[in-house]
């Protein structure tokens, strides 16, 4: 069995997500798990913009939840 390990374990992040219509889907603090990741449950078949901030660093990205999309995003890096 294999798994991924994120760098920021049990840390608090400000997470903001809007859908493609500009509706705010999430705007709250989220704590990463012991593996350094956090889980989000979002509506299917939609496109989103996500902004994550932690200790003055931020990343913003687009993603979607269509059937062909992955369920794990590991490419976002705080800058």
PDB file of N, CA and C in Angstrom:
ATOM      1  N   UNK A   1       0.841  -1.183   0.000  1.00  0.00           N
ATOM      2  CA  UNK A   1       0.000   0.000   0.000  1.00  0.00           C
ATOM      3  C   UNK A   1       0.882   1.241   0.000  1.00  0.00           C
ATOM      4  N   UNK A   2       0.542   2.193  -0.825  1.00  0.00           N
ATOM      5  CA  UNK A   2       1.308   3.439  -0.881  1.00  0.00           C
ATOM      6  C   UNK A   2       0.413   4.601  -0.527  1.00  0.00           C
ATOM      7  N   UNK A   3       1.019   5.721  -0.254  1.00  0.00           N
ATOM      8  CA  UNK A   3       0.255   6.912   0.071  1.00  0.00           C
ATOM      9  C   UNK A   3       1.112   8.133  -0.111  1.00  0.00           C
ATOM     10  N   UNK A   4       0.484   9.273   0.003  1.00  0.00           N
ATOM     11  CA  UNK A   4       1.187  10.547  -0.127  1.00  0.00           C
ATOM     12  C   UNK A   4       1.316  11.181   1.251  1.00  0.00           C
ATOM     13  N   UNK A   5       2.366  11.962   1.416  1.00  0.00           N
ATOM     14  CA  UNK A   5       2.563  12.704   2.653  1.00  0.00           C
ATOM     15  C   UNK A   5       2.795  14.165   2.308  1.00  0.00           C
ATOM     16  N   UNK A   6       1.895  15.015   2.747  1.00  0.00           N
ATOM     17  CA  UNK A   6       2.049  16.453   2.544  1.00  0.00           C
ATOM     18  C   UNK A   6       3.020  17.038   3.549  1.00  0.00           C
ATOM     19  N   UNK A   7       3.523  18.215   3.258  1.00  0.00           N
ATOM     20  CA  UNK A   7       4.531  18.850   4.112  1.00  0.00           C
ATOM     21  C   UNK A   7       3.956  19.549   5.331  1.00  0.00           C
ATOM     22  N   UNK A   8       2.749  20.066   5.237  1.00  0.00           N
ATOM     23  CA  UNK A   8       2.174  20.867   6.317  1.00  0.00           C
ATOM     24  C   UNK A   8       1.117  20.061   7.069  1.00  0.00           C
ATOM     25  N   UNK A   9       1.553  19.361   8.070  1.00  0.00           N
ATOM     26  CA  UNK A   9       0.715  18.445   8.847  1.00  0.00           C
ATOM     27  C   UNK A   9      -0.004  19.203   9.962  1.00  0.00           C
ATOM     28  N   UNK A  10      -1.311  18.962  10.052  1.00  0.00           N
ATOM     29  CA  UNK A  10      -2.147  19.530  11.104  1.00  0.00           C
ATOM     30  C   UNK A  10      -1.962  21.044  11.242  1.00  0.00           C
ATOM     31  N   UNK A  11      -2.002  21.730  10.097  1.00  0.00           N
ATOM     32  CA  UNK A  11      -1.898  23.186  10.049  1.00  0.00           C
ATOM     33  C   UNK A  11      -3.226  23.765   9.577  1.00  0.00           C
ATOM     34  N   UNK A  12      -3.484  25.010   9.928  1.00  0.00           N
ATOM     35  CA  UNK A  12      -4.735  25.665   9.560  1.00  0.00           C
ATOM     36  C   UNK A  12      -4.544  26.515   8.301  1.00  0.00           C
ATOM     37  N   UNK A  13      -5.481  26.384   7.373  1.00  0.00           N
ATOM     38  CA  UNK A  13      -5.461  27.104   6.108  1.00  0.00           C
ATOM     39  C   UNK A  13      -6.762  27.881   5.952  1.00  0.00           C
ATOM     40  N   UNK A  14      -6.675  29.043   5.313  1.00  0.00           N
ATOM     41  CA  UNK A  14      -7.873  29.762   4.890  1.00  0.00           C
ATOM     42  C   UNK A  14      -8.198  29.270   3.488  1.00  0.00           C
ATOM     43  N   UNK A  15      -9.392  28.716   3.310  1.00  0.00           N
ATOM     44  CA  UNK A  15      -9.788  28.143   2.022  1.00  0.00           C
ATOM     45  C   UNK A  15     -11.031  28.875   1.521  1.00  0.00           C
ATOM     46  N   UNK A  16     -10.931  29.357   0.275  1.00  0.00           N
ATOM     47  CA  UNK A  16     -12.031  30.079  -0.357  1.00  0.00           C
ATOM     48  C   UNK A  16     -12.278  29.441  -1.722  1.00  0.00           C
ATOM     49  N   UNK A  17     -13.527  29.037  -1.988  1.00  0.00           N
ATOM     50  CA  UNK A  17     -13.873  28.402  -3.256  1.00  0.00           C
ATOM     51  C   UNK A  17     -15.118  29.065  -3.834  1.00  0.00           C
ATOM     52  N   UNK A  18     -15.042  29.401  -5.128  1.00  0.00           N
ATOM     53  CA  UNK A  18     -16.193  29.906  -5.882  1.00  0.00           C
ATOM     54  C   UNK A  18     -16.454  28.969  -7.045  1.00  0.00           C
ATOM     55  N   UNK A  19     -17.737  28.797  -7.393  1.00  0.00           N
ATOM     56  CA  UNK A  19     -18.055  28.035  -8.598  1.00  0.00           C
ATOM     57  C   UNK A  19     -17.981  28.961  -9.809  1.00  0.00           C
ATOM     58  N   UNK A  20     -18.202  28.418 -10.999  1.00  0.00           N
ATOM     59  CA  UNK A  20     -18.048  29.190 -12.235  1.00  0.00           C
ATOM     60  C   UNK A  20     -19.086  30.299 -12.385  1.00  0.00           C
ATOM     61  N   UNK A  21     -20.159  30.257 -11.589  1.00  0.00           N
ATOM     62  CA  UNK A  21     -21.161  31.311 -11.611  1.00  0.00           C
ATOM     63  C   UNK A  21     -20.865  32.404 -10.591  1.00  0.00           C
ATOM     64  N   UNK A  22     -19.777  32.278  -9.850  1.00  0.00           N
ATOM     65  CA  UNK A  22     -19.408  33.271  -8.854  1.00  0.00           C
ATOM     66  C   UNK A  22     -20.009  33.047  -7.488  1.00  0.00           C
ATOM     67  N   UNK A  23     -20.676  31.906  -7.280  1.00  0.00           N
ATOM     68  CA  UNK A  23     -21.248  31.583  -5.975  1.00  0.00           C
ATOM     69  C   UNK A  23     -20.157  31.082  -5.039  1.00  0.00           C
ATOM     70  N   UNK A  24     -20.136  31.605  -3.819  1.00  0.00           N
ATOM     71  CA  UNK A  24     -19.168  31.149  -2.827  1.00  0.00           C
ATOM     72  C   UNK A  24     -19.610  29.782  -2.314  1.00  0.00           C
ATOM     73  N   UNK A  25     -18.754  28.790  -2.493  1.00  0.00           N
ATOM     74  CA  UNK A  25     -19.049  27.421  -2.074  1.00  0.00           C
ATOM     75  C   UNK A  25     -18.462  27.155  -0.690  1.00  0.00           C
ATOM     76  N   UNK A  26     -17.295  27.750  -0.418  1.00  0.00           N
ATOM     77  CA  UNK A  26     -16.627  27.542   0.872  1.00  0.00           C
ATOM     78  C   UNK A  26     -15.787  28.772   1.182  1.00  0.00           C
ATOM     79  N   UNK A  27     -15.829  29.221   2.415  1.00  0.00           N
ATOM     80  CA  UNK A  27     -15.010  30.335   2.878  1.00  0.00           C
ATOM     81  C   UNK A  27     -14.795  30.117   4.373  1.00  0.00           C
ATOM     82  N   UNK A  28     -13.807  29.297   4.701  1.00  0.00           N
ATOM     83  CA  UNK A  28     -13.570  28.964   6.103  1.00  0.00           C
ATOM     84  C   UNK A  28     -12.158  28.454   6.324  1.00  0.00           C
ATOM     85  N   UNK A  29     -11.804  28.296   7.582  1.00  0.00           N
ATOM     86  CA  UNK A  29     -10.525  27.724   7.950  1.00  0.00           C
ATOM     87  C   UNK A  29     -10.648  26.206   7.917  1.00  0.00           C
ATOM     88  N   UNK A  30      -9.614  25.550   7.370  1.00  0.00           N
ATOM     89  CA  UNK A  30      -9.593  24.096   7.260  1.00  0.00           C
ATOM     90  C   UNK A  30      -8.264  23.613   7.807  1.00  0.00           C
ATOM     91  N   UNK A  31      -8.284  22.582   8.634  1.00  0.00           N
ATOM     92  CA  UNK A  31      -7.041  22.029   9.188  1.00  0.00           C
ATOM     93  C   UNK A  31      -6.620  20.789   8.408  1.00  0.00           C
ATOM     94  N   UNK A  32      -5.353  20.749   8.048  1.00  0.00           N
ATOM     95  CA  UNK A  32      -4.843  19.570   7.342  1.00  0.00           C
ATOM     96  C   UNK A  32      -4.772  18.377   8.302  1.00  0.00           C
ATOM     97  N   UNK A  33      -4.858  17.209   7.733  1.00  0.00           N
ATOM     98  CA  UNK A  33      -4.850  15.968   8.493  1.00  0.00           C
ATOM     99  C   UNK A  33      -3.414  15.542   8.795  1.00  0.00           C
ATOM    100  N   UNK A  34      -3.242  14.410   9.443  1.00  0.00           N
ATOM    101  CA  UNK A  34      -1.907  13.909   9.796  1.00  0.00           C
ATOM    102  C   UNK A  34      -1.078  13.556   8.561  1.00  0.00           C
ATOM    103  N   UNK A  35      -1.726  13.426   7.403  1.00  0.00           N
ATOM    104  CA  UNK A  35      -0.981  13.161   6.162  1.00  0.00           C
ATOM    105  C   UNK A  35      -0.656  14.459   5.406  1.00  0.00           C
ATOM    106  N   UNK A  36      -1.023  15.612   5.977  1.00  0.00           N
ATOM    107  CA  UNK A  36      -0.728  16.897   5.365  1.00  0.00           C
ATOM    108  C   UNK A  36      -1.741  17.371   4.338  1.00  0.00           C
ATOM    109  N   UNK A  37      -2.797  16.626   4.104  1.00  0.00           N
ATOM    110  CA  UNK A  37      -3.830  16.988   3.133  1.00  0.00           C
ATOM    111  C   UNK A  37      -5.134  17.281   3.870  1.00  0.00           C
ATOM    112  N   UNK A  38      -6.097  17.847   3.155  1.00  0.00           N
ATOM    113  CA  UNK A  38      -7.439  17.994   3.722  1.00  0.00           C
ATOM    114  C   UNK A  38      -8.463  17.572   2.681  1.00  0.00           C
ATOM    115  N   UNK A  39      -9.595  17.095   3.178  1.00  0.00           N
ATOM    116  CA  UNK A  39     -10.679  16.612   2.314  1.00  0.00           C
ATOM    117  C   UNK A  39     -11.729  17.703   2.139  1.00  0.00           C
ATOM    118  N   UNK A  40     -12.212  17.821   0.913  1.00  0.00           N
ATOM    119  CA  UNK A  40     -13.329  18.711   0.623  1.00  0.00           C
ATOM    120  C   UNK A  40     -14.351  17.941  -0.198  1.00  0.00           C
ATOM    121  N   UNK A  41     -15.611  18.052   0.161  1.00  0.00           N
ATOM    122  CA  UNK A  41     -16.690  17.442  -0.611  1.00  0.00           C
ATOM    123  C   UNK A  41     -17.407  18.555  -1.352  1.00  0.00           C
ATOM    124  N   UNK A  42     -17.389  18.464  -2.685  1.00  0.00           N
ATOM    125  CA  UNK A  42     -17.954  19.514  -3.521  1.00  0.00           C
ATOM    126  C   UNK A  42     -18.969  18.934  -4.496  1.00  0.00           C
ATOM    127  N   UNK A  43     -19.878  19.765  -5.002  1.00  0.00           N
ATOM    128  CA  UNK A  43     -20.865  19.278  -5.965  1.00  0.00           C
ATOM    129  C   UNK A  43     -20.214  18.723  -7.238  1.00  0.00           C
ATOM    130  N   UNK A  44     -20.823  17.692  -7.793  1.00  0.00           N
ATOM    131  CA  UNK A  44     -20.339  17.089  -9.037  1.00  0.00           C
ATOM    132  C   UNK A  44     -20.627  17.984 -10.241  1.00  0.00           C
ATOM    133  N   UNK A  45     -19.839  17.733 -11.284  1.00  0.00           N
ATOM    134  CA  UNK A  45     -20.067  18.355 -12.599  1.00  0.00           C
ATOM    135  C   UNK A  45     -20.060  19.880 -12.566  1.00  0.00           C
ATOM    136  N   UNK A  46     -19.093  20.442 -11.858  1.00  0.00           N
ATOM    137  CA  UNK A  46     -18.949  21.894 -11.770  1.00  0.00           C
ATOM    138  C   UNK A  46     -17.484  22.275 -11.891  1.00  0.00           C
ATOM    139  N   UNK A  47     -17.247  23.551 -12.233  1.00  0.00           N
ATOM    140  CA  UNK A  47     -15.900  24.124 -12.263  1.00  0.00           C
ATOM    141  C   UNK A  47     -15.776  25.108 -11.109  1.00  0.00           C
ATOM    142  N   UNK A  48     -14.575  25.195 -10.551  1.00  0.00           N
ATOM    143  CA  UNK A  48     -14.332  26.028  -9.373  1.00  0.00           C
ATOM    144  C   UNK A  48     -13.014  26.779  -9.486  1.00  0.00           C
ATOM    145  N   UNK A  49     -12.912  27.847  -8.700  1.00  0.00           N
ATOM    146  CA  UNK A  49     -11.640  28.514  -8.432  1.00  0.00           C
ATOM    147  C   UNK A  49     -11.429  28.393  -6.934  1.00  0.00           C
ATOM    148  N   UNK A  50     -10.223  27.963  -6.542  1.00  0.00           N
ATOM    149  CA  UNK A  50      -9.894  27.811  -5.130  1.00  0.00           C
ATOM    150  C   UNK A  50      -8.718  28.700  -4.797  1.00  0.00           C
ATOM    151  N   UNK A  51      -8.776  29.312  -3.628  1.00  0.00           N
ATOM    152  CA  UNK A  51      -7.675  30.109  -3.104  1.00  0.00           C
ATOM    153  C   UNK A  51      -7.372  29.591  -1.707  1.00  0.00           C
ATOM    154  N   UNK A  52      -6.115  29.212  -1.479  1.00  0.00           N
ATOM    155  CA  UNK A  52      -5.679  28.692  -0.188  1.00  0.00           C
ATOM    156  C   UNK A  52      -4.568  29.596   0.331  1.00  0.00           C
ATOM    157  N   UNK A  53      -4.671  29.989   1.599  1.00  0.00           N
ATOM    158  CA  UNK A  53      -3.660  30.840   2.228  1.00  0.00           C
ATOM    159  C   UNK A  53      -3.208  30.221   3.542  1.00  0.00           C
ATOM    160  N   UNK A  54      -1.910  30.420   3.837  1.00  0.00           N
ATOM    161  CA  UNK A  54      -1.339  29.929   5.090  1.00  0.00           C
ATOM    162  C   UNK A  54      -0.082  30.741   5.391  1.00  0.00           C
ATOM    163  N   UNK A  55      -0.060  31.393   6.534  1.00  0.00           N
ATOM    164  CA  UNK A  55       1.099  32.162   7.008  1.00  0.00           C
ATOM    165  C   UNK A  55       1.664  33.099   5.947  1.00  0.00           C
ATOM    166  N   UNK A  56       0.790  33.862   5.300  1.00  0.00           N
ATOM    167  CA  UNK A  56       1.216  34.855   4.333  1.00  0.00           C
ATOM    168  C   UNK A  56       1.499  34.333   2.938  1.00  0.00           C
ATOM    169  N   UNK A  57       1.395  33.051   2.732  1.00  0.00           N
ATOM    170  CA  UNK A  57       1.597  32.472   1.404  1.00  0.00           C
ATOM    171  C   UNK A  57       0.246  32.045   0.848  1.00  0.00           C
ATOM    172  N   UNK A  58       0.117  32.143  -0.485  1.00  0.00           N
ATOM    173  CA  UNK A  58      -1.173  31.879  -1.124  1.00  0.00           C
ATOM    174  C   UNK A  58      -0.976  31.118  -2.426  1.00  0.00           C
ATOM    175  N   UNK A  59      -1.987  30.336  -2.769  1.00  0.00           N
ATOM    176  CA  UNK A  59      -2.049  29.695  -4.084  1.00  0.00           C
ATOM    177  C   UNK A  59      -3.485  29.784  -4.569  1.00  0.00           C
ATOM    178  N   UNK A  60      -3.649  29.992  -5.869  1.00  0.00           N
ATOM    179  CA  UNK A  60      -4.974  30.037  -6.487  1.00  0.00           C
ATOM    180  C   UNK A  60      -4.952  29.145  -7.714  1.00  0.00           C
ATOM    181  N   UNK A  61      -6.024  28.390  -7.908  1.00  0.00           N
ATOM    182  CA  UNK A  61      -6.069  27.448  -9.027  1.00  0.00           C
ATOM    183  C   UNK A  61      -7.511  27.181  -9.437  1.00  0.00           C
ATOM    184  N   UNK A  62      -7.661  26.702 -10.665  1.00  0.00           N
ATOM    185  CA  UNK A  62      -8.963  26.253 -11.150  1.00  0.00           C
ATOM    186  C   UNK A  62      -8.979  24.730 -11.150  1.00  0.00           C
ATOM    187  N   UNK A  63     -10.149  24.163 -10.884  1.00  0.00           N
ATOM    188  CA  UNK A  63     -10.321  22.715 -10.961  1.00  0.00           C
ATOM    189  C   UNK A  63     -11.797  22.419 -11.194  1.00  0.00           C
ATOM    190  N   UNK A  64     -12.106  21.167 -11.485  1.00  0.00           N
ATOM    191  CA  UNK A  64     -13.499  20.789 -11.716  1.00  0.00           C
ATOM    192  C   UNK A  64     -13.770  19.397 -11.162  1.00  0.00           C
ATOM    193  N   UNK A  65     -15.070  19.064 -11.108  1.00  0.00           N
ATOM    194  CA  UNK A  65     -15.496  17.793 -10.511  1.00  0.00           C
ATOM    195  C   UNK A  65     -16.313  16.954 -11.489  1.00  0.00           C
ATOM    196  N   UNK A  66     -15.930  16.995 -12.765  1.00  0.00           N
ATOM    197  CA  UNK A  66     -16.595  16.164 -13.760  1.00  0.00           C
ATOM    198  C   UNK A  66     -16.066  14.734 -13.669  1.00  0.00           C
ATOM    199  N   UNK A  67     -16.766  13.786 -14.269  1.00  0.00           N
ATOM    200  CA  UNK A  67     -16.436  12.360 -14.152  1.00  0.00           C
ATOM    201  C   UNK A  67     -14.992  12.049 -14.530  1.00  0.00           C
ATOM    202  N   UNK A  68     -14.441  12.747 -15.521  1.00  0.00           N
ATOM    203  CA  UNK A  68     -13.079  12.453 -15.975  1.00  0.00           C
ATOM    204  C   UNK A  68     -12.005  13.135 -15.123  1.00  0.00           C
ATOM    205  N   UNK A  69     -12.384  13.978 -14.174  1.00  0.00           N
ATOM    206  CA  UNK A  69     -11.425  14.697 -13.330  1.00  0.00           C
ATOM    207  C   UNK A  69     -10.918  13.838 -12.185  1.00  0.00           C
ATOM    208  N   UNK A  70      -9.686  14.094 -11.791  1.00  0.00           N
ATOM    209  CA  UNK A  70      -9.114  13.391 -10.648  1.00  0.00           C
ATOM    210  C   UNK A  70      -9.762  13.828  -9.352  1.00  0.00           C
ATOM    211  N   UNK A  71      -9.602  13.027  -8.349  1.00  0.00           N
ATOM    212  CA  UNK A  71     -10.194  13.337  -7.045  1.00  0.00           C
ATOM    213  C   UNK A  71      -9.159  13.814  -6.039  1.00  0.00           C
ATOM    214  N   UNK A  72      -7.899  13.866  -6.445  1.00  0.00           N
ATOM    215  CA  UNK A  72      -6.830  14.293  -5.549  1.00  0.00           C
ATOM    216  C   UNK A  72      -5.954  15.300  -6.286  1.00  0.00           C
ATOM    217  N   UNK A  73      -5.845  16.497  -5.733  1.00  0.00           N
ATOM    218  CA  UNK A  73      -5.013  17.535  -6.338  1.00  0.00           C
ATOM    219  C   UNK A  73      -3.755  17.683  -5.498  1.00  0.00           C
ATOM    220  N   UNK A  74      -2.614  17.437  -6.107  1.00  0.00           N
ATOM    221  CA  UNK A  74      -1.344  17.493  -5.378  1.00  0.00           C
ATOM    222  C   UNK A  74      -0.367  18.495  -5.988  1.00  0.00           C
ATOM    223  N   UNK A  75      -0.828  19.329  -6.914  1.00  0.00           N
ATOM    224  CA  UNK A  75       0.065  20.203  -7.650  1.00  0.00           C
ATOM    225  C   UNK A  75       0.046  21.655  -7.164  1.00  0.00           C
ATOM    226  N   UNK A  76      -0.767  21.974  -6.200  1.00  0.00           N
ATOM    227  CA  UNK A  76      -0.857  23.354  -5.729  1.00  0.00           C
ATOM    228  C   UNK A  76       0.249  23.612  -4.709  1.00  0.00           C
ATOM    229  N   UNK A  77       0.963  24.718  -4.897  1.00  0.00           N
ATOM    230  CA  UNK A  77       2.084  25.050  -4.024  1.00  0.00           C
ATOM    231  C   UNK A  77       1.938  26.480  -3.517  1.00  0.00           C
ATOM    232  N   UNK A  78       1.996  26.641  -2.209  1.00  0.00           N
ATOM    233  CA  UNK A  78       1.916  27.973  -1.600  1.00  0.00           C
ATOM    234  C   UNK A  78       3.161  28.771  -1.964  1.00  0.00           C
ATOM    235  N   UNK A  79       2.964  30.036  -2.372  1.00  0.00           N
ATOM    236  CA  UNK A  79       4.095  30.904  -2.721  1.00  0.00           C
ATOM    237  C   UNK A  79       3.995  32.192  -1.948  1.00  0.00           C
TER     238      UNK A  79
END
